[in-house]
Amino acid sequence: MVYDLIVSQIHKIEGKRQLIVATHNPNIVVNGDADWITVLEYKNGQVRIHKQGNLMDQGIRDSICSIMEGGREAFEKLYKKITMKDQDA
């Protein structure tokens, strides 16, 4: 459902304009093949940047896996799908 409603629209639009998406759903980040990811944390009453980077960065992948439904297994499945798509292009 997330893919049909949101990610497919992101893929349609991304070639025409820059998108900035704020989400709590890591499936959108991974399925949307985000170019740049900022992981935030709430600490001592403030929101701070915890990590920044792309899906190639292990720290970013670890952060995504820690909150993604299905954890590392779900992430690996989606990440392999994306990298295979990039190789076919």
PDB file of N, CA and C in Angstrom:
ATOM      1  N   MET A   1       0.822  -1.189   0.000  1.00  0.00           N
ATOM      2  CA  MET A   1       0.000   0.000   0.000  1.00  0.00           C
ATOM      3  C   MET A   1       0.869   1.257   0.000  1.00  0.00           C
ATOM      4  N   VAL A   2       1.925   1.275   0.835  1.00  0.00           N
ATOM      5  CA  VAL A   2       2.834   2.419   0.868  1.00  0.00           C
ATOM      6  C   VAL A   2       3.442   2.624  -0.514  1.00  0.00           C
ATOM      7  N   TYR A   3       3.849   1.521  -1.143  1.00  0.00           N
ATOM      8  CA  TYR A   3       4.475   1.645  -2.456  1.00  0.00           C
ATOM      9  C   TYR A   3       3.485   2.225  -3.462  1.00  0.00           C
ATOM     10  N   ASP A   4       2.282   1.663  -3.503  1.00  0.00           N
ATOM     11  CA  ASP A   4       1.289   2.107  -4.483  1.00  0.00           C
ATOM     12  C   ASP A   4       0.893   3.571  -4.310  1.00  0.00           C
ATOM     13  N   LEU A   5       0.745   3.993  -3.072  1.00  0.00           N
ATOM     14  CA  LEU A   5       0.261   5.350  -2.823  1.00  0.00           C
ATOM     15  C   LEU A   5       1.346   6.419  -2.838  1.00  0.00           C
ATOM     16  N   ILE A   6       2.514   6.096  -2.301  1.00  0.00           N
ATOM     17  CA  ILE A   6       3.525   7.126  -2.101  1.00  0.00           C
ATOM     18  C   ILE A   6       4.754   6.934  -2.974  1.00  0.00           C
ATOM     19  N   VAL A   7       5.380   5.781  -2.881  1.00  0.00           N
ATOM     20  CA  VAL A   7       6.653   5.560  -3.565  1.00  0.00           C
ATOM     21  C   VAL A   7       6.501   5.658  -5.073  1.00  0.00           C
ATOM     22  N   SER A   8       5.424   5.132  -5.629  1.00  0.00           N
ATOM     23  CA  SER A   8       5.236   5.228  -7.082  1.00  0.00           C
ATOM     24  C   SER A   8       5.125   6.689  -7.520  1.00  0.00           C
ATOM     25  N   GLN A   9       4.490   7.525  -6.704  1.00  0.00           N
ATOM     26  CA  GLN A   9       4.385   8.952  -7.023  1.00  0.00           C
ATOM     27  C   GLN A   9       5.753   9.639  -6.920  1.00  0.00           C
ATOM     28  N   ILE A  10       6.543   9.244  -5.942  1.00  0.00           N
ATOM     29  CA  ILE A  10       7.896   9.797  -5.800  1.00  0.00           C
ATOM     30  C   ILE A  10       8.706   9.498  -7.056  1.00  0.00           C
ATOM     31  N   HIS A  11       8.640   8.271  -7.533  1.00  0.00           N
ATOM     32  CA  HIS A  11       9.391   7.891  -8.736  1.00  0.00           C
ATOM     33  C   HIS A  11       8.925   8.658  -9.972  1.00  0.00           C
ATOM     34  N   LYS A  12       7.634   8.938 -10.058  1.00  0.00           N
ATOM     35  CA  LYS A  12       7.110   9.703 -11.200  1.00  0.00           C
ATOM     36  C   LYS A  12       7.606  11.150 -11.180  1.00  0.00           C
ATOM     37  N   ILE A  13       7.662  11.738 -10.002  1.00  0.00           N
ATOM     38  CA  ILE A  13       7.979  13.156  -9.858  1.00  0.00           C
ATOM     39  C   ILE A  13       9.473  13.431  -9.840  1.00  0.00           C
ATOM     40  N   GLU A  14      10.273  12.515  -9.304  1.00  0.00           N
ATOM     41  CA  GLU A  14      11.681  12.797  -9.036  1.00  0.00           C
ATOM     42  C   GLU A  14      12.502  13.187 -10.264  1.00  0.00           C
ATOM     43  N   GLY A  15      12.119  12.766 -11.422  1.00  0.00           N
ATOM     44  CA  GLY A  15      12.852  13.152 -12.625  1.00  0.00           C
ATOM     45  C   GLY A  15      12.589  14.580 -13.059  1.00  0.00           C
ATOM     46  N   LYS A  16      11.531  15.160 -12.540  1.00  0.00           N
ATOM     47  CA  LYS A  16      11.123  16.499 -12.951  1.00  0.00           C
ATOM     48  C   LYS A  16      11.507  17.582 -11.959  1.00  0.00           C
ATOM     49  N   ARG A  17      11.680  17.201 -10.692  1.00  0.00           N
ATOM     50  CA  ARG A  17      11.977  18.203  -9.665  1.00  0.00           C
ATOM     51  C   ARG A  17      12.629  17.561  -8.453  1.00  0.00           C
ATOM     52  N   GLN A  18      13.204  18.380  -7.621  1.00  0.00           N
ATOM     53  CA  GLN A  18      13.819  17.908  -6.388  1.00  0.00           C
ATOM     54  C   GLN A  18      12.737  17.713  -5.334  1.00  0.00           C
ATOM     55  N   LEU A  19      12.840  16.619  -4.614  1.00  0.00           N
ATOM     56  CA  LEU A  19      11.878  16.334  -3.553  1.00  0.00           C
ATOM     57  C   LEU A  19      12.575  16.292  -2.204  1.00  0.00           C
ATOM     58  N   ILE A  20      11.934  16.856  -1.225  1.00  0.00           N
ATOM     59  CA  ILE A  20      12.373  16.723   0.165  1.00  0.00           C
ATOM     60  C   ILE A  20      11.210  16.085   0.897  1.00  0.00           C
ATOM     61  N   VAL A  21      11.449  14.909   1.449  1.00  0.00           N
ATOM     62  CA  VAL A  21      10.393  14.138   2.096  1.00  0.00           C
ATOM     63  C   VAL A  21      10.775  13.915   3.552  1.00  0.00           C
ATOM     64  N   ALA A  22       9.884  14.228   4.443  1.00  0.00           N
ATOM     65  CA  ALA A  22      10.073  13.936   5.863  1.00  0.00           C
ATOM     66  C   ALA A  22       9.118  12.804   6.222  1.00  0.00           C
ATOM     67  N   THR A  23       9.650  11.734   6.795  1.00  0.00           N
ATOM     68  CA  THR A  23       8.818  10.578   7.106  1.00  0.00           C
ATOM     69  C   THR A  23       9.351   9.814   8.304  1.00  0.00           C
ATOM     70  N   HIS A  24       8.465   9.124   8.982  1.00  0.00           N
ATOM     71  CA  HIS A  24       8.843   8.196  10.032  1.00  0.00           C
ATOM     72  C   HIS A  24       8.911   6.777   9.464  1.00  0.00           C
ATOM     73  N   ASN A  25       8.581   6.619   8.200  1.00  0.00           N
ATOM     74  CA  ASN A  25       8.482   5.301   7.587  1.00  0.00           C
ATOM     75  C   ASN A  25       9.734   4.984   6.770  1.00  0.00           C
ATOM     76  N   PRO A  26      10.597   4.113   7.278  1.00  0.00           N
ATOM     77  CA  PRO A  26      11.820   3.787   6.544  1.00  0.00           C
ATOM     78  C   PRO A  26      11.569   3.058   5.234  1.00  0.00           C
ATOM     79  N   ASN A  27      10.396   2.455   5.079  1.00  0.00           N
ATOM     80  CA  ASN A  27      10.076   1.801   3.808  1.00  0.00           C
ATOM     81  C   ASN A  27      10.015   2.813   2.666  1.00  0.00           C
ATOM     82  N   ILE A  28       9.566   4.010   2.955  1.00  0.00           N
ATOM     83  CA  ILE A  28       9.526   5.062   1.936  1.00  0.00           C
ATOM     84  C   ILE A  28      10.943   5.463   1.559  1.00  0.00           C
ATOM     85  N   VAL A  29      11.812   5.557   2.538  1.00  0.00           N
ATOM     86  CA  VAL A  29      13.212   5.922   2.290  1.00  0.00           C
ATOM     87  C   VAL A  29      13.884   4.889   1.406  1.00  0.00           C
ATOM     88  N   VAL A  30      13.725   3.617   1.749  1.00  0.00           N
ATOM     89  CA  VAL A  30      14.402   2.544   1.008  1.00  0.00           C
ATOM     90  C   VAL A  30      13.750   2.323  -0.347  1.00  0.00           C
ATOM     91  N   ASN A  31      12.439   2.139  -0.382  1.00  0.00           N
ATOM     92  CA  ASN A  31      11.750   1.913  -1.658  1.00  0.00           C
ATOM     93  C   ASN A  31      11.842   3.115  -2.582  1.00  0.00           C
ATOM     94  N   GLY A  32      11.894   4.297  -1.993  1.00  0.00           N
ATOM     95  CA  GLY A  32      12.015   5.514  -2.787  1.00  0.00           C
ATOM     96  C   GLY A  32      13.429   5.773  -3.263  1.00  0.00           C
ATOM     97  N   ASP A  33      14.376   4.920  -2.843  1.00  0.00           N
ATOM     98  CA  ASP A  33      15.782   5.020  -3.234  1.00  0.00           C
ATOM     99  C   ASP A  33      16.312   6.438  -2.965  1.00  0.00           C
ATOM    100  N   ALA A  34      16.170   6.868  -1.719  1.00  0.00           N
ATOM    101  CA  ALA A  34      16.563   8.222  -1.317  1.00  0.00           C
ATOM    102  C   ALA A  34      18.035   8.493  -1.615  1.00  0.00           C
ATOM    103  N   ASP A  35      18.331   9.671  -2.138  1.00  0.00           N
ATOM    104  CA  ASP A  35      19.707  10.073  -2.429  1.00  0.00           C
ATOM    105  C   ASP A  35      20.445  10.516  -1.173  1.00  0.00           C
ATOM    106  N   TRP A  36      19.741  11.157  -0.259  1.00  0.00           N
ATOM    107  CA  TRP A  36      20.369  11.672   0.967  1.00  0.00           C
ATOM    108  C   TRP A  36      19.404  11.475   2.128  1.00  0.00           C
ATOM    109  N   ILE A  37      19.916  10.966   3.227  1.00  0.00           N
ATOM    110  CA  ILE A  37      19.088  10.635   4.375  1.00  0.00           C
ATOM    111  C   ILE A  37      19.649  11.337   5.604  1.00  0.00           C
ATOM    112  N   THR A  38      18.787  11.960   6.360  1.00  0.00           N
ATOM    113  CA  THR A  38      19.152  12.561   7.633  1.00  0.00           C
ATOM    114  C   THR A  38      18.357  11.845   8.719  1.00  0.00           C
ATOM    115  N   VAL A  39      19.084  11.206   9.631  1.00  0.00           N
ATOM    116  CA  VAL A  39      18.462  10.503  10.750  1.00  0.00           C
ATOM    117  C   VAL A  39      18.508  11.445  11.950  1.00  0.00           C
ATOM    118  N   LEU A  40      17.342  11.713  12.506  1.00  0.00           N
ATOM    119  CA  LEU A  40      17.249  12.616  13.654  1.00  0.00           C
ATOM    120  C   LEU A  40      17.076  11.819  14.940  1.00  0.00           C
ATOM    121  N   GLU A  41      17.456  12.444  16.046  1.00  0.00           N
ATOM    122  CA  GLU A  41      17.224  11.855  17.359  1.00  0.00           C
ATOM    123  C   GLU A  41      16.718  12.938  18.298  1.00  0.00           C
ATOM    124  N   TYR A  42      15.947  12.521  19.274  1.00  0.00           N
ATOM    125  CA  TYR A  42      15.436  13.429  20.283  1.00  0.00           C
ATOM    126  C   TYR A  42      16.208  13.153  21.566  1.00  0.00           C
ATOM    127  N   LYS A  43      16.954  14.159  22.006  1.00  0.00           N
ATOM    128  CA  LYS A  43      17.809  13.980  23.176  1.00  0.00           C
ATOM    129  C   LYS A  43      17.815  15.265  24.003  1.00  0.00           C
ATOM    130  N   ASN A  44      17.638  15.120  25.304  1.00  0.00           N
ATOM    131  CA  ASN A  44      17.669  16.260  26.224  1.00  0.00           C
ATOM    132  C   ASN A  44      16.711  17.380  25.801  1.00  0.00           C
ATOM    133  N   GLY A  45      15.533  16.977  25.311  1.00  0.00           N
ATOM    134  CA  GLY A  45      14.526  17.960  24.944  1.00  0.00           C
ATOM    135  C   GLY A  45      14.744  18.632  23.604  1.00  0.00           C
ATOM    136  N   GLN A  46      15.713  18.167  22.813  1.00  0.00           N
ATOM    137  CA  GLN A  46      15.990  18.780  21.514  1.00  0.00           C
ATOM    138  C   GLN A  46      16.098  17.712  20.433  1.00  0.00           C
ATOM    139  N   VAL A  47      15.732  18.114  19.234  1.00  0.00           N
ATOM    140  CA  VAL A  47      15.910  17.250  18.070  1.00  0.00           C
ATOM    141  C   VAL A  47      17.269  17.582  17.470  1.00  0.00           C
ATOM    142  N   ARG A  48      18.064  16.545  17.237  1.00  0.00           N
ATOM    143  CA  ARG A  48      19.414  16.733  16.687  1.00  0.00           C
ATOM    144  C   ARG A  48      19.648  15.768  15.539  1.00  0.00           C
ATOM    145  N   ILE A  49      20.591  16.123  14.688  1.00  0.00           N
ATOM    146  CA  ILE A  49      20.998  15.220  13.614  1.00  0.00           C
ATOM    147  C   ILE A  49      21.848  14.116  14.232  1.00  0.00           C
ATOM    148  N   HIS A  50      21.431  12.895  14.008  1.00  0.00           N
ATOM    149  CA  HIS A  50      22.156  11.727  14.511  1.00  0.00           C
ATOM    150  C   HIS A  50      23.154  11.246  13.465  1.00  0.00           C
ATOM    151  N   LYS A  51      22.692  11.100  12.216  1.00  0.00           N
ATOM    152  CA  LYS A  51      23.551  10.668  11.104  1.00  0.00           C
ATOM    153  C   LYS A  51      23.016  11.258   9.818  1.00  0.00           C
ATOM    154  N   GLN A  52      23.913  11.420   8.858  1.00  0.00           N
ATOM    155  CA  GLN A  52      23.528  11.851   7.512  1.00  0.00           C
ATOM    156  C   GLN A  52      24.332  11.050   6.506  1.00  0.00           C
ATOM    157  N   GLY A  53      23.715  10.751   5.396  1.00  0.00           N
ATOM    158  CA  GLY A  53      24.418  10.029   4.343  1.00  0.00           C
ATOM    159  C   GLY A  53      23.434   9.395   3.388  1.00  0.00           C
ATOM    160  N   ASN A  54      23.916   8.379   2.666  1.00  0.00           N
ATOM    161  CA  ASN A  54      23.050   7.690   1.714  1.00  0.00           C
ATOM    162  C   ASN A  54      22.972   6.210   2.074  1.00  0.00           C
ATOM    163  N   LEU A  55      22.264   5.462   1.270  1.00  0.00           N
ATOM    164  CA  LEU A  55      22.059   4.046   1.570  1.00  0.00           C
ATOM    165  C   LEU A  55      23.339   3.223   1.491  1.00  0.00           C
ATOM    166  N   MET A  56      24.385   3.757   0.905  1.00  0.00           N
ATOM    167  CA  MET A  56      25.670   3.050   0.855  1.00  0.00           C
ATOM    168  C   MET A  56      26.402   3.124   2.198  1.00  0.00           C
ATOM    169  N   ASP A  57      26.020   4.050   3.051  1.00  0.00           N
ATOM    170  CA  ASP A  57      26.651   4.265   4.356  1.00  0.00           C
ATOM    171  C   ASP A  57      26.110   3.242   5.364  1.00  0.00           C
ATOM    172  N   GLN A  58      26.997   2.438   5.929  1.00  0.00           N
ATOM    173  CA  GLN A  58      26.592   1.388   6.870  1.00  0.00           C
ATOM    174  C   GLN A  58      25.855   1.951   8.080  1.00  0.00           C
ATOM    175  N   GLY A  59      26.276   3.095   8.586  1.00  0.00           N
ATOM    176  CA  GLY A  59      25.608   3.706   9.733  1.00  0.00           C
ATOM    177  C   GLY A  59      24.169   4.083   9.424  1.00  0.00           C
ATOM    178  N   ILE A  60      23.929   4.563   8.227  1.00  0.00           N
ATOM    179  CA  ILE A  60      22.575   4.893   7.792  1.00  0.00           C
ATOM    180  C   ILE A  60      21.745   3.621   7.690  1.00  0.00           C
ATOM    181  N   ARG A  61      22.310   2.595   7.077  1.00  0.00           N
ATOM    182  CA  ARG A  61      21.589   1.323   6.956  1.00  0.00           C
ATOM    183  C   ARG A  61      21.253   0.749   8.336  1.00  0.00           C
ATOM    184  N   ASP A  62      22.200   0.833   9.264  1.00  0.00           N
ATOM    185  CA  ASP A  62      21.949   0.338  10.626  1.00  0.00           C
ATOM    186  C   ASP A  62      20.806   1.105  11.290  1.00  0.00           C
ATOM    187  N   SER A  63      20.782   2.426  11.102  1.00  0.00           N
ATOM    188  CA  SER A  63      19.709   3.238  11.682  1.00  0.00           C
ATOM    189  C   SER A  63      18.357   2.862  11.086  1.00  0.00           C
ATOM    190  N   ILE A  64      18.330   2.661   9.788  1.00  0.00           N
ATOM    191  CA  ILE A  64      17.086   2.273   9.124  1.00  0.00           C
ATOM    192  C   ILE A  64      16.616   0.917   9.649  1.00  0.00           C
ATOM    193  N   CYS A  65      17.537  -0.027   9.752  1.00  0.00           N
ATOM    194  CA  CYS A  65      17.175  -1.376  10.218  1.00  0.00           C
ATOM    195  C   CYS A  65      16.652  -1.372  11.639  1.00  0.00           C
ATOM    196  N   SER A  66      17.122  -0.445  12.447  1.00  0.00           N
ATOM    197  CA  SER A  66      16.696  -0.419  13.842  1.00  0.00           C
ATOM    198  C   SER A  66      15.239   0.022  14.010  1.00  0.00           C
ATOM    199  N   ILE A  67      14.698   0.726  13.011  1.00  0.00           N
ATOM    200  CA  ILE A  67      13.313   1.179  13.130  1.00  0.00           C
ATOM    201  C   ILE A  67      12.392   0.573  12.078  1.00  0.00           C
ATOM    202  N   MET A  68      12.949  -0.085  11.087  1.00  0.00           N
ATOM    203  CA  MET A  68      12.153  -0.636   9.995  1.00  0.00           C
ATOM    204  C   MET A  68      11.418  -1.897  10.429  1.00  0.00           C
ATOM    205  N   GLU A  69      10.148  -1.962  10.084  1.00  0.00           N
ATOM    206  CA  GLU A  69       9.385  -3.168  10.357  1.00  0.00           C
ATOM    207  C   GLU A  69      10.009  -4.322   9.581  1.00  0.00           C
ATOM    208  N   GLY A  70      10.358  -5.376  10.257  1.00  0.00           N
ATOM    209  CA  GLY A  70      11.034  -6.501   9.619  1.00  0.00           C
ATOM    210  C   GLY A  70      12.539  -6.435   9.787  1.00  0.00           C
ATOM    211  N   GLY A  71      13.043  -5.300  10.293  1.00  0.00           N
ATOM    212  CA  GLY A  71      14.467  -5.155  10.613  1.00  0.00           C
ATOM    213  C   GLY A  71      15.399  -5.371   9.442  1.00  0.00           C
ATOM    214  N   ARG A  72      16.572  -5.928   9.747  1.00  0.00           N
ATOM    215  CA  ARG A  72      17.638  -6.094   8.764  1.00  0.00           C
ATOM    216  C   ARG A  72      17.203  -6.963   7.586  1.00  0.00           C
ATOM    217  N   GLU A  73      16.438  -8.005   7.866  1.00  0.00           N
ATOM    218  CA  GLU A  73      16.009  -8.909   6.792  1.00  0.00           C
ATOM    219  C   GLU A  73      15.168  -8.164   5.751  1.00  0.00           C
ATOM    220  N   ALA A  74      14.233  -7.360   6.212  1.00  0.00           N
ATOM    221  CA  ALA A  74      13.386  -6.578   5.302  1.00  0.00           C
ATOM    222  C   ALA A  74      14.221  -5.565   4.530  1.00  0.00           C
ATOM    223  N   PHE A  75      15.162  -4.917   5.231  1.00  0.00           N
ATOM    224  CA  PHE A  75      16.007  -3.928   4.564  1.00  0.00           C
ATOM    225  C   PHE A  75      16.836  -4.581   3.469  1.00  0.00           C
ATOM    226  N   GLU A  76      17.479  -5.698   3.794  1.00  0.00           N
ATOM    227  CA  GLU A  76      18.340  -6.374   2.811  1.00  0.00           C
ATOM    228  C   GLU A  76      17.554  -6.757   1.565  1.00  0.00           C
ATOM    229  N   LYS A  77      16.345  -7.229   1.746  1.00  0.00           N
ATOM    230  CA  LYS A  77      15.503  -7.608   0.605  1.00  0.00           C
ATOM    231  C   LYS A  77      15.236  -6.397  -0.294  1.00  0.00           C
ATOM    232  N   LEU A  78      14.849  -5.279   0.308  1.00  0.00           N
ATOM    233  CA  LEU A  78      14.566  -4.068  -0.465  1.00  0.00           C
ATOM    234  C   LEU A  78      15.836  -3.485  -1.086  1.00  0.00           C
ATOM    235  N   TYR A  79      16.924  -3.493  -0.329  1.00  0.00           N
ATOM    236  CA  TYR A  79      18.183  -2.919  -0.809  1.00  0.00           C
ATOM    237  C   TYR A  79      18.716  -3.708  -2.010  1.00  0.00           C
ATOM    238  N   LYS A  80      18.617  -5.023  -1.955  1.00  0.00           N
ATOM    239  CA  LYS A  80      19.053  -5.859  -3.087  1.00  0.00           C
ATOM    240  C   LYS A  80      18.210  -5.572  -4.313  1.00  0.00           C
ATOM    241  N   LYS A  81      16.917  -5.381  -4.111  1.00  0.00           N
ATOM    242  CA  LYS A  81      16.004  -5.061  -5.221  1.00  0.00           C
ATOM    243  C   LYS A  81      16.436  -3.750  -5.885  1.00  0.00           C
ATOM    244  N   ILE A  82      16.779  -2.751  -5.083  1.00  0.00           N
ATOM    245  CA  ILE A  82      17.186  -1.458  -5.619  1.00  0.00           C
ATOM    246  C   ILE A  82      18.510  -1.562  -6.364  1.00  0.00           C
ATOM    247  N   THR A  83      19.498  -2.248  -5.772  1.00  0.00           N
ATOM    248  CA  THR A  83      20.810  -2.338  -6.414  1.00  0.00           C
ATOM    249  C   THR A  83      20.728  -3.148  -7.698  1.00  0.00           C
ATOM    250  N   MET A  84      19.871  -4.141  -7.751  1.00  0.00           N
ATOM    251  CA  MET A  84      19.684  -4.912  -8.992  1.00  0.00           C
ATOM    252  C   MET A  84      19.061  -4.024 -10.066  1.00  0.00           C
ATOM    253  N   LYS A  85      18.099  -3.185  -9.671  1.00  0.00           N
ATOM    254  CA  LYS A  85      17.460  -2.269 -10.608  1.00  0.00           C
ATOM    255  C   LYS A  85      18.492  -1.308 -11.187  1.00  0.00           C
ATOM    256  N   ASP A  86      19.402  -0.801 -10.337  1.00  0.00           N
ATOM    257  CA  ASP A  86      20.426   0.138 -10.779  1.00  0.00           C
ATOM    258  C   ASP A  86      21.401  -0.526 -11.750  1.00  0.00           C
ATOM    259  N   GLN A  87      21.693  -1.801 -11.559  1.00  0.00           N
ATOM    260  CA  GLN A  87      22.602  -2.513 -12.445  1.00  0.00           C
ATOM    261  C   GLN A  87      21.969  -2.757 -13.811  1.00  0.00           C
ATOM    262  N   ASP A  88      20.638  -2.914 -13.837  1.00  0.00           N
ATOM    263  CA  ASP A  88      19.935  -3.141 -15.096  1.00  0.00           C
ATOM    264  C   ASP A  88      19.834  -1.869 -15.943  1.00  0.00           C
ATOM    265  N   ALA A  89      19.934  -0.716 -15.291  1.00  0.00           N
ATOM    266  CA  ALA A  89      19.770   0.568 -15.988  1.00  0.00           C
ATOM    267  C   ALA A  89      20.947   0.903 -16.866  1.00  0.00           C
TER     268      ALA A  89
END
